């Protein structure tokens, strides 16, 4: 199972959907974890921190992931690039976003 930690598209969002500790736990469960380059920078987490935890770093890592981790709901444009059937784990914020439901 491939799990992607996607970079947040909103420049005002300082959080990242996983930490190096989370990555270690997911890998221990048998998952392959890939992290978008720079995904943790606004949270003070470097790519090298994720790599040290066992993750691979890349670009557009959500494109072929089975599970996509994000803090905020992905945009329609982002979703269009996800693998069909991928599970998205994010704060979906349905209020005022009826067409997203």
PDB file of N, CA and C in Angstrom:
ATOM      1  N   UNK A   1       0.839  -1.173   0.000  1.00  0.00           N
ATOM      2  CA  UNK A   1       0.000   0.000   0.000  1.00  0.00           C
ATOM      3  C   UNK A   1       0.885   1.237   0.000  1.00  0.00           C
ATOM      4  N   UNK A   2       0.588   2.143  -0.882  1.00  0.00           N
ATOM      5  CA  UNK A   2       1.364   3.385  -1.012  1.00  0.00           C
ATOM      6  C   UNK A   2       0.574   4.539  -0.401  1.00  0.00           C
ATOM      7  N   UNK A   3       1.170   5.203   0.585  1.00  0.00           N
ATOM      8  CA  UNK A   3       0.550   6.337   1.256  1.00  0.00           C
ATOM      9  C   UNK A   3       1.333   7.591   0.911  1.00  0.00           C
ATOM     10  N   UNK A   4       0.621   8.608   0.444  1.00  0.00           N
ATOM     11  CA  UNK A   4       1.258   9.874   0.074  1.00  0.00           C
ATOM     12  C   UNK A   4       0.915  10.956   1.085  1.00  0.00           C
ATOM     13  N   UNK A   5       1.926  11.700   1.488  1.00  0.00           N
ATOM     14  CA  UNK A   5       1.737  12.897   2.306  1.00  0.00           C
ATOM     15  C   UNK A   5       1.868  14.059   1.332  1.00  0.00           C
ATOM     16  N   UNK A   6       0.725  14.647   0.992  1.00  0.00           N
ATOM     17  CA  UNK A   6       0.702  15.687  -0.036  1.00  0.00           C
ATOM     18  C   UNK A   6       1.001  17.065   0.552  1.00  0.00           C
ATOM     19  N   UNK A   7       1.667  17.876  -0.231  1.00  0.00           N
ATOM     20  CA  UNK A   7       1.935  19.270   0.145  1.00  0.00           C
ATOM     21  C   UNK A   7       0.615  20.040   0.102  1.00  0.00           C
ATOM     22  N   UNK A   8       0.415  20.920   1.051  1.00  0.00           N
ATOM     23  CA  UNK A   8      -0.797  21.733   1.087  1.00  0.00           C
ATOM     24  C   UNK A   8      -0.724  22.810   0.008  1.00  0.00           C
ATOM     25  N   UNK A   9      -1.821  22.999  -0.721  1.00  0.00           N
ATOM     26  CA  UNK A   9      -1.837  23.989  -1.801  1.00  0.00           C
ATOM     27  C   UNK A   9      -2.114  25.401  -1.286  1.00  0.00           C
ATOM     28  N   UNK A  10      -2.709  25.517  -0.108  1.00  0.00           N
ATOM     29  CA  UNK A  10      -2.993  26.825   0.488  1.00  0.00           C
ATOM     30  C   UNK A  10      -1.739  27.331   1.198  1.00  0.00           C
ATOM     31  N   UNK A  11      -1.163  28.406   0.697  1.00  0.00           N
ATOM     32  CA  UNK A  11       0.082  28.949   1.264  1.00  0.00           C
ATOM     33  C   UNK A  11      -0.080  29.403   2.711  1.00  0.00           C
ATOM     34  N   UNK A  12      -1.309  29.636   3.150  1.00  0.00           N
ATOM     35  CA  UNK A  12      -1.550  30.064   4.531  1.00  0.00           C
ATOM     36  C   UNK A  12      -1.631  28.882   5.501  1.00  0.00           C
ATOM     37  N   UNK A  13      -1.621  27.659   4.986  1.00  0.00           N
ATOM     38  CA  UNK A  13      -1.727  26.469   5.834  1.00  0.00           C
ATOM     39  C   UNK A  13      -0.335  26.028   6.292  1.00  0.00           C
ATOM     40  N   UNK A  14      -0.032  26.159   7.588  1.00  0.00           N
ATOM     41  CA  UNK A  14       1.306  25.812   8.069  1.00  0.00           C
ATOM     42  C   UNK A  14       1.480  24.341   8.442  1.00  0.00           C
ATOM     43  N   UNK A  15       0.401  23.591   8.467  1.00  0.00           N
ATOM     44  CA  UNK A  15       0.497  22.202   8.939  1.00  0.00           C
ATOM     45  C   UNK A  15       0.825  21.227   7.813  1.00  0.00           C
ATOM     46  N   UNK A  16       1.300  20.058   8.233  1.00  0.00           N
ATOM     47  CA  UNK A  16       1.533  18.951   7.317  1.00  0.00           C
ATOM     48  C   UNK A  16       0.761  17.758   7.880  1.00  0.00           C
ATOM     49  N   UNK A  17       0.285  16.876   7.011  1.00  0.00           N
ATOM     50  CA  UNK A  17      -0.620  15.805   7.413  1.00  0.00           C
ATOM     51  C   UNK A  17       0.048  14.639   8.128  1.00  0.00           C
ATOM     52  N   UNK A  18       1.357  14.615   8.211  1.00  0.00           N
ATOM     53  CA  UNK A  18       2.063  13.541   8.920  1.00  0.00           C
ATOM     54  C   UNK A  18       3.367  14.086   9.476  1.00  0.00           C
ATOM     55  N   UNK A  19       3.876  13.404  10.465  1.00  0.00           N
ATOM     56  CA  UNK A  19       5.174  13.737  11.050  1.00  0.00           C
ATOM     57  C   UNK A  19       6.124  12.584  10.774  1.00  0.00           C
ATOM     58  N   UNK A  20       7.413  12.782  10.985  1.00  0.00           N
ATOM     59  CA  UNK A  20       8.333  11.654  10.840  1.00  0.00           C
ATOM     60  C   UNK A  20       7.946  10.466  11.735  1.00  0.00           C
ATOM     61  N   UNK A  21       7.433  10.725  12.925  1.00  0.00           N
ATOM     62  CA  UNK A  21       6.997   9.633  13.813  1.00  0.00           C
ATOM     63  C   UNK A  21       5.824   8.869  13.204  1.00  0.00           C
ATOM     64  N   UNK A  22       4.893   9.587  12.607  1.00  0.00           N
ATOM     65  CA  UNK A  22       3.764   8.947  11.928  1.00  0.00           C
ATOM     66  C   UNK A  22       4.263   8.089  10.776  1.00  0.00           C
ATOM     67  N   UNK A  23       5.209   8.616  10.019  1.00  0.00           N
ATOM     68  CA  UNK A  23       5.783   7.885   8.890  1.00  0.00           C
ATOM     69  C   UNK A  23       6.395   6.573   9.372  1.00  0.00           C
ATOM     70  N   UNK A  24       7.145   6.612  10.459  1.00  0.00           N
ATOM     71  CA  UNK A  24       7.752   5.388  11.011  1.00  0.00           C
ATOM     72  C   UNK A  24       6.683   4.349  11.333  1.00  0.00           C
ATOM     73  N   UNK A  25       5.596   4.781  11.942  1.00  0.00           N
ATOM     74  CA  UNK A  25       4.523   3.858  12.322  1.00  0.00           C
ATOM     75  C   UNK A  25       3.843   3.253  11.098  1.00  0.00           C
ATOM     76  N   UNK A  26       3.605   4.065  10.081  1.00  0.00           N
ATOM     77  CA  UNK A  26       2.976   3.557   8.858  1.00  0.00           C
ATOM     78  C   UNK A  26       3.877   2.549   8.156  1.00  0.00           C
ATOM     79  N   UNK A  27       5.160   2.833   8.116  1.00  0.00           N
ATOM     80  CA  UNK A  27       6.115   1.909   7.495  1.00  0.00           C
ATOM     81  C   UNK A  27       6.188   0.611   8.294  1.00  0.00           C
ATOM     82  N   UNK A  28       6.156   0.708   9.619  1.00  0.00           N
ATOM     83  CA  UNK A  28       6.181  -0.484  10.472  1.00  0.00           C
ATOM     84  C   UNK A  28       4.965  -1.381  10.219  1.00  0.00           C
ATOM     85  N   UNK A  29       3.875  -0.783   9.772  1.00  0.00           N
ATOM     86  CA  UNK A  29       2.672  -1.545   9.439  1.00  0.00           C
ATOM     87  C   UNK A  29       2.726  -2.124   8.024  1.00  0.00           C
ATOM     88  N   UNK A  30       3.799  -1.836   7.291  1.00  0.00           N
ATOM     89  CA  UNK A  30       3.980  -2.400   5.961  1.00  0.00           C
ATOM     90  C   UNK A  30       3.689  -1.464   4.803  1.00  0.00           C
ATOM     91  N   UNK A  31       3.400  -0.221   5.077  1.00  0.00           N
ATOM     92  CA  UNK A  31       3.096   0.732   4.004  1.00  0.00           C
ATOM     93  C   UNK A  31       4.370   1.328   3.414  1.00  0.00           C
ATOM     94  N   UNK A  32       4.286   1.718   2.173  1.00  0.00           N
ATOM     95  CA  UNK A  32       5.324   2.537   1.545  1.00  0.00           C
ATOM     96  C   UNK A  32       4.835   3.975   1.678  1.00  0.00           C
ATOM     97  N   UNK A  33       5.669   4.859   2.211  1.00  0.00           N
ATOM     98  CA  UNK A  33       5.264   6.248   2.419  1.00  0.00           C
ATOM     99  C   UNK A  33       6.106   7.161   1.540  1.00  0.00           C
ATOM    100  N   UNK A  34       5.422   8.027   0.800  1.00  0.00           N
ATOM    101  CA  UNK A  34       6.081   9.016  -0.045  1.00  0.00           C
ATOM    102  C   UNK A  34       5.576  10.396   0.357  1.00  0.00           C
ATOM    103  N   UNK A  35       6.475  11.363   0.363  1.00  0.00           N
ATOM    104  CA  UNK A  35       6.146  12.716   0.819  1.00  0.00           C
ATOM    105  C   UNK A  35       6.496  13.706  -0.282  1.00  0.00           C
ATOM    106  N   UNK A  36       5.570  14.612  -0.567  1.00  0.00           N
ATOM    107  CA  UNK A  36       5.859  15.677  -1.531  1.00  0.00           C
ATOM    108  C   UNK A  36       7.040  16.511  -1.041  1.00  0.00           C
ATOM    109  N   UNK A  37       7.951  16.779  -1.944  1.00  0.00           N
ATOM    110  CA  UNK A  37       9.111  17.614  -1.609  1.00  0.00           C
ATOM    111  C   UNK A  37       8.635  18.937  -0.995  1.00  0.00           C
ATOM    112  N   UNK A  38       9.161  19.255   0.173  1.00  0.00           N
ATOM    113  CA  UNK A  38       8.823  20.504   0.837  1.00  0.00           C
ATOM    114  C   UNK A  38       7.506  20.503   1.596  1.00  0.00           C
ATOM    115  N   UNK A  39       6.838  19.361   1.691  1.00  0.00           N
ATOM    116  CA  UNK A  39       5.518  19.312   2.336  1.00  0.00           C
ATOM    117  C   UNK A  39       5.543  19.770   3.786  1.00  0.00           C
ATOM    118  N   UNK A  40       6.633  19.542   4.482  1.00  0.00           N
ATOM    119  CA  UNK A  40       6.685  19.881   5.898  1.00  0.00           C
ATOM    120  C   UNK A  40       7.384  21.174   6.243  1.00  0.00           C
ATOM    121  N   UNK A  41       7.894  21.884   5.256  1.00  0.00           N
ATOM    122  CA  UNK A  41       8.712  23.072   5.531  1.00  0.00           C
ATOM    123  C   UNK A  41       8.005  24.111   6.388  1.00  0.00           C
ATOM    124  N   UNK A  42       6.729  24.387   6.112  1.00  0.00           N
ATOM    125  CA  UNK A  42       6.009  25.398   6.897  1.00  0.00           C
ATOM    126  C   UNK A  42       5.727  24.936   8.327  1.00  0.00           C
ATOM    127  N   UNK A  43       5.930  23.638   8.586  1.00  0.00           N
ATOM    128  CA  UNK A  43       5.767  23.090   9.933  1.00  0.00           C
ATOM    129  C   UNK A  43       7.112  22.878  10.616  1.00  0.00           C
ATOM    130  N   UNK A  44       8.187  23.234   9.924  1.00  0.00           N
ATOM    131  CA  UNK A  44       9.514  23.043  10.485  1.00  0.00           C
ATOM    132  C   UNK A  44      10.041  21.625  10.334  1.00  0.00           C
ATOM    133  N   UNK A  45       9.429  20.842   9.445  1.00  0.00           N
ATOM    134  CA  UNK A  45       9.863  19.469   9.200  1.00  0.00           C
ATOM    135  C   UNK A  45      10.542  19.426   7.834  1.00  0.00           C
ATOM    136  N   UNK A  46      11.799  19.046   7.832  1.00  0.00           N
ATOM    137  CA  UNK A  46      12.577  18.999   6.593  1.00  0.00           C
ATOM    138  C   UNK A  46      12.365  17.683   5.851  1.00  0.00           C
ATOM    139  N   UNK A  47      12.626  17.708   4.564  1.00  0.00           N
ATOM    140  CA  UNK A  47      12.572  16.475   3.774  1.00  0.00           C
ATOM    141  C   UNK A  47      13.504  15.423   4.361  1.00  0.00           C
ATOM    142  N   UNK A  48      14.663  15.852   4.829  1.00  0.00           N
ATOM    143  CA  UNK A  48      15.621  14.899   5.406  1.00  0.00           C
ATOM    144  C   UNK A  48      15.068  14.233   6.665  1.00  0.00           C
ATOM    145  N   UNK A  49      14.203  14.930   7.407  1.00  0.00           N
ATOM    146  CA  UNK A  49      13.553  14.324   8.580  1.00  0.00           C
ATOM    147  C   UNK A  49      12.630  13.188   8.148  1.00  0.00           C
ATOM    148  N   UNK A  50      11.872  13.416   7.093  1.00  0.00           N
ATOM    149  CA  UNK A  50      10.995  12.366   6.574  1.00  0.00           C
ATOM    150  C   UNK A  50      11.817  11.203   6.012  1.00  0.00           C
ATOM    151  N   UNK A  51      12.893  11.522   5.309  1.00  0.00           N
ATOM    152  CA  UNK A  51      13.755  10.468   4.763  1.00  0.00           C
ATOM    153  C   UNK A  51      14.367   9.629   5.877  1.00  0.00           C
ATOM    154  N   UNK A  52      14.795  10.273   6.950  1.00  0.00           N
ATOM    155  CA  UNK A  52      15.380   9.551   8.084  1.00  0.00           C
ATOM    156  C   UNK A  52      14.358   8.608   8.722  1.00  0.00           C
ATOM    157  N   UNK A  53      13.084   8.946   8.592  1.00  0.00           N
ATOM    158  CA  UNK A  53      12.018   8.101   9.126  1.00  0.00           C
ATOM    159  C   UNK A  53      11.666   6.958   8.173  1.00  0.00           C
ATOM    160  N   UNK A  54      12.228   6.993   6.952  1.00  0.00           N
ATOM    161  CA  UNK A  54      12.004   5.923   5.990  1.00  0.00           C
ATOM    162  C   UNK A  54      11.163   6.278   4.788  1.00  0.00           C
ATOM    163  N   UNK A  55      10.690   7.509   4.705  1.00  0.00           N
ATOM    164  CA  UNK A  55       9.869   7.926   3.564  1.00  0.00           C
ATOM    165  C   UNK A  55      10.736   8.252   2.360  1.00  0.00           C
ATOM    166  N   UNK A  56      10.126   8.139   1.198  1.00  0.00           N
ATOM    167  CA  UNK A  56      10.750   8.617  -0.031  1.00  0.00           C
ATOM    168  C   UNK A  56      10.195  10.007  -0.300  1.00  0.00           C
ATOM    169  N   UNK A  57      10.996  10.860  -0.904  1.00  0.00           N
ATOM    170  CA  UNK A  57      10.596  12.229  -1.221  1.00  0.00           C
ATOM    171  C   UNK A  57      10.452  12.346  -2.731  1.00  0.00           C
ATOM    172  N   UNK A  58       9.416  13.029  -3.183  1.00  0.00           N
ATOM    173  CA  UNK A  58       9.227  13.184  -4.617  1.00  0.00           C
ATOM    174  C   UNK A  58       8.306  14.342  -4.944  1.00  0.00           C
ATOM    175  N   UNK A  59       7.928  14.417  -6.191  1.00  0.00           N
ATOM    176  CA  UNK A  59       7.010  15.444  -6.695  1.00  0.00           C
ATOM    177  C   UNK A  59       5.707  14.768  -7.097  1.00  0.00           C
ATOM    178  N   UNK A  60       4.594  15.421  -6.838  1.00  0.00           N
ATOM    179  CA  UNK A  60       3.274  14.900  -7.220  1.00  0.00           C
ATOM    180  C   UNK A  60       3.071  13.454  -6.764  1.00  0.00           C
ATOM    181  N   UNK A  61       3.442  13.184  -5.521  1.00  0.00           N
ATOM    182  CA  UNK A  61       3.424  11.815  -5.008  1.00  0.00           C
ATOM    183  C   UNK A  61       2.016  11.242  -4.874  1.00  0.00           C
ATOM    184  N   UNK A  62       1.005  12.094  -4.828  1.00  0.00           N
ATOM    185  CA  UNK A  62      -0.366  11.607  -4.662  1.00  0.00           C
ATOM    186  C   UNK A  62      -0.915  10.951  -5.924  1.00  0.00           C
ATOM    187  N   UNK A  63      -0.287  11.168  -7.056  1.00  0.00           N
ATOM    188  CA  UNK A  63      -0.818  10.695  -8.334  1.00  0.00           C
ATOM    189  C   UNK A  63      -1.018   9.187  -8.390  1.00  0.00           C
ATOM    190  N   UNK A  64      -0.169   8.423  -7.739  1.00  0.00           N
ATOM    191  CA  UNK A  64      -0.319   6.967  -7.792  1.00  0.00           C
ATOM    192  C   UNK A  64      -0.433   6.339  -6.406  1.00  0.00           C
ATOM    193  N   UNK A  65      -0.892   7.124  -5.447  1.00  0.00           N
ATOM    194  CA  UNK A  65      -1.030   6.629  -4.077  1.00  0.00           C
ATOM    195  C   UNK A  65      -2.387   5.959  -3.860  1.00  0.00           C
ATOM    196  N   UNK A  66      -2.396   4.976  -2.990  1.00  0.00           N
ATOM    197  CA  UNK A  66      -3.645   4.331  -2.589  1.00  0.00           C
ATOM    198  C   UNK A  66      -4.377   5.175  -1.544  1.00  0.00           C
ATOM    199  N   UNK A  67      -3.593   5.850  -0.696  1.00  0.00           N
ATOM    200  CA  UNK A  67      -4.129   6.733   0.341  1.00  0.00           C
ATOM    201  C   UNK A  67      -3.393   8.062   0.255  1.00  0.00           C
ATOM    202  N   UNK A  68      -4.134   9.156   0.291  1.00  0.00           N
ATOM    203  CA  UNK A  68      -3.547  10.497   0.251  1.00  0.00           C
ATOM    204  C   UNK A  68      -3.865  11.187   1.572  1.00  0.00           C
ATOM    205  N   UNK A  69      -2.823  11.659   2.262  1.00  0.00           N
ATOM    206  CA  UNK A  69      -2.988  12.394   3.509  1.00  0.00           C
ATOM    207  C   UNK A  69      -2.783  13.874   3.247  1.00  0.00           C
ATOM    208  N   UNK A  70      -3.765  14.684   3.654  1.00  0.00           N
ATOM    209  CA  UNK A  70      -3.677  16.140   3.545  1.00  0.00           C
ATOM    210  C   UNK A  70      -4.298  16.732   4.799  1.00  0.00           C
ATOM    211  N   UNK A  71      -3.977  17.967   5.095  1.00  0.00           N
ATOM    212  CA  UNK A  71      -4.632  18.654   6.200  1.00  0.00           C
ATOM    213  C   UNK A  71      -5.994  19.160   5.723  1.00  0.00           C
ATOM    214  N   UNK A  72      -6.011  19.900   4.635  1.00  0.00           N
ATOM    215  CA  UNK A  72      -7.257  20.472   4.103  1.00  0.00           C
ATOM    216  C   UNK A  72      -7.757  19.691   2.896  1.00  0.00           C
ATOM    217  N   UNK A  73      -9.054  19.826   2.654  1.00  0.00           N
ATOM    218  CA  UNK A  73      -9.672  19.146   1.517  1.00  0.00           C
ATOM    219  C   UNK A  73      -8.940  19.501   0.227  1.00  0.00           C
ATOM    220  N   UNK A  74      -8.647  18.518  -0.603  1.00  0.00           N
ATOM    221  CA  UNK A  74      -7.999  18.830  -1.876  1.00  0.00           C
ATOM    222  C   UNK A  74      -8.961  19.546  -2.823  1.00  0.00           C
ATOM    223  N   UNK A  75      -8.390  20.338  -3.698  1.00  0.00           N
ATOM    224  CA  UNK A  75      -9.195  21.037  -4.706  1.00  0.00           C
ATOM    225  C   UNK A  75      -9.624  20.048  -5.791  1.00  0.00           C
ATOM    226  N   UNK A  76     -10.579  20.463  -6.608  1.00  0.00           N
ATOM    227  CA  UNK A  76     -11.001  19.622  -7.729  1.00  0.00           C
ATOM    228  C   UNK A  76      -9.823  19.314  -8.643  1.00  0.00           C
ATOM    229  N   UNK A  77      -8.961  20.316  -8.843  1.00  0.00           N
ATOM    230  CA  UNK A  77      -7.787  20.113  -9.687  1.00  0.00           C
ATOM    231  C   UNK A  77      -6.832  19.078  -9.122  1.00  0.00           C
ATOM    232  N   UNK A  78      -6.658  19.094  -7.804  1.00  0.00           N
ATOM    233  CA  UNK A  78      -5.789  18.094  -7.176  1.00  0.00           C
ATOM    234  C   UNK A  78      -6.401  16.700  -7.298  1.00  0.00           C
ATOM    235  N   UNK A  79      -7.693  16.608  -7.006  1.00  0.00           N
ATOM    236  CA  UNK A  79      -8.369  15.310  -7.060  1.00  0.00           C
ATOM    237  C   UNK A  79      -8.290  14.708  -8.459  1.00  0.00           C
ATOM    238  N   UNK A  80      -8.356  15.533  -9.471  1.00  0.00           N
ATOM    239  CA  UNK A  80      -8.293  15.046 -10.853  1.00  0.00           C
ATOM    240  C   UNK A  80      -6.992  14.305 -11.141  1.00  0.00           C
ATOM    241  N   UNK A  81      -5.950  14.568 -10.362  1.00  0.00           N
ATOM    242  CA  UNK A  81      -4.661  13.919 -10.580  1.00  0.00           C
ATOM    243  C   UNK A  81      -4.454  12.695  -9.691  1.00  0.00           C
ATOM    244  N   UNK A  82      -5.403  12.407  -8.809  1.00  0.00           N
ATOM    245  CA  UNK A  82      -5.283  11.243  -7.928  1.00  0.00           C
ATOM    246  C   UNK A  82      -5.696   9.985  -8.672  1.00  0.00           C
ATOM    247  N   UNK A  83      -5.148   8.891  -8.234  1.00  0.00           N
ATOM    248  CA  UNK A  83      -5.508   7.592  -8.786  1.00  0.00           C
ATOM    249  C   UNK A  83      -6.988   7.309  -8.505  1.00  0.00           C
ATOM    250  N   UNK A  84      -7.677   6.744  -9.471  1.00  0.00           N
ATOM    251  CA  UNK A  84      -9.087   6.403  -9.281  1.00  0.00           C
ATOM    252  C   UNK A  84      -9.205   5.435  -8.106  1.00  0.00           C
ATOM    253  N   UNK A  85     -10.113   5.756  -7.182  1.00  0.00           N
ATOM    254  CA  UNK A  85     -10.333   4.895  -6.031  1.00  0.00           C
ATOM    255  C   UNK A  85      -9.445   5.192  -4.835  1.00  0.00           C
ATOM    256  N   UNK A  86      -8.579   6.187  -4.959  1.00  0.00           N
ATOM    257  CA  UNK A  86      -7.700   6.537  -3.836  1.00  0.00           C
ATOM    258  C   UNK A  86      -8.539   7.054  -2.670  1.00  0.00           C
ATOM    259  N   UNK A  87      -8.107   6.715  -1.472  1.00  0.00           N
ATOM    260  CA  UNK A  87      -8.750   7.199  -0.256  1.00  0.00           C
ATOM    261  C   UNK A  87      -8.067   8.492   0.162  1.00  0.00           C
ATOM    262  N   UNK A  88      -8.849   9.527   0.424  1.00  0.00           N
ATOM    263  CA  UNK A  88      -8.296  10.816   0.850  1.00  0.00           C
ATOM    264  C   UNK A  88      -8.654  11.024   2.316  1.00  0.00           C
ATOM    265  N   UNK A  89      -7.626  11.256   3.138  1.00  0.00           N
ATOM    266  CA  UNK A  89      -7.821  11.536   4.557  1.00  0.00           C
ATOM    267  C   UNK A  89      -7.439  12.994   4.771  1.00  0.00           C
ATOM    268  N   UNK A  90      -8.447  13.823   5.080  1.00  0.00           N
ATOM    269  CA  UNK A  90      -8.238  15.262   5.234  1.00  0.00           C
ATOM    270  C   UNK A  90      -9.409  15.850   6.010  1.00  0.00           C
ATOM    271  N   UNK A  91      -9.266  17.078   6.445  1.00  0.00           N
ATOM    272  CA  UNK A  91     -10.390  17.806   7.024  1.00  0.00           C
ATOM    273  C   UNK A  91     -11.214  18.295   5.837  1.00  0.00           C
ATOM    274  N   UNK A  92     -12.357  17.680   5.621  1.00  0.00           N
ATOM    275  CA  UNK A  92     -13.121  17.953   4.408  1.00  0.00           C
ATOM    276  C   UNK A  92     -13.937  19.243   4.471  1.00  0.00           C
ATOM    277  N   UNK A  93     -14.227  19.768   5.648  1.00  0.00           N
ATOM    278  CA  UNK A  93     -14.907  21.056   5.811  1.00  0.00           C
ATOM    279  C   UNK A  93     -16.111  21.186   4.873  1.00  0.00           C
ATOM    280  N   UNK A  94     -17.176  20.425   5.123  1.00  0.00           N
ATOM    281  CA  UNK A  94     -18.312  20.429   4.211  1.00  0.00           C
ATOM    282  C   UNK A  94     -19.187  21.679   4.278  1.00  0.00           C
ATOM    283  N   UNK A  95     -19.078  22.460   5.333  1.00  0.00           N
ATOM    284  CA  UNK A  95     -19.964  23.611   5.506  1.00  0.00           C
ATOM    285  C   UNK A  95     -19.677  24.697   4.468  1.00  0.00           C
ATOM    286  N   UNK A  96     -20.703  25.030   3.703  1.00  0.00           N
ATOM    287  CA  UNK A  96     -20.545  26.039   2.669  1.00  0.00           C
ATOM    288  C   UNK A  96     -19.901  25.507   1.403  1.00  0.00           C
ATOM    289  N   UNK A  97     -19.724  24.193   1.325  1.00  0.00           N
ATOM    290  CA  UNK A  97     -19.100  23.571   0.153  1.00  0.00           C
ATOM    291  C   UNK A  97     -19.995  22.453  -0.369  1.00  0.00           C
ATOM    292  N   UNK A  98     -21.259  22.744  -0.575  1.00  0.00           N
ATOM    293  CA  UNK A  98     -22.222  21.730  -0.984  1.00  0.00           C
ATOM    294  C   UNK A  98     -21.806  20.988  -2.246  1.00  0.00           C
ATOM    295  N   UNK A  99     -21.257  21.685  -3.225  1.00  0.00           N
ATOM    296  CA  UNK A  99     -20.879  21.022  -4.473  1.00  0.00           C
ATOM    297  C   UNK A  99     -19.685  20.093  -4.285  1.00  0.00           C
ATOM    298  N   UNK A 100     -18.937  20.232  -3.207  1.00  0.00           N
ATOM    299  CA  UNK A 100     -17.818  19.330  -2.940  1.00  0.00           C
ATOM    300  C   UNK A 100     -18.305  18.001  -2.383  1.00  0.00           C
ATOM    301  N   UNK A 101     -19.525  17.993  -1.880  1.00  0.00           N
ATOM    302  CA  UNK A 101     -20.089  16.768  -1.326  1.00  0.00           C
ATOM    303  C   UNK A 101     -20.743  15.964  -2.415  1.00  0.00           C
TER     304      UNK A 101
END
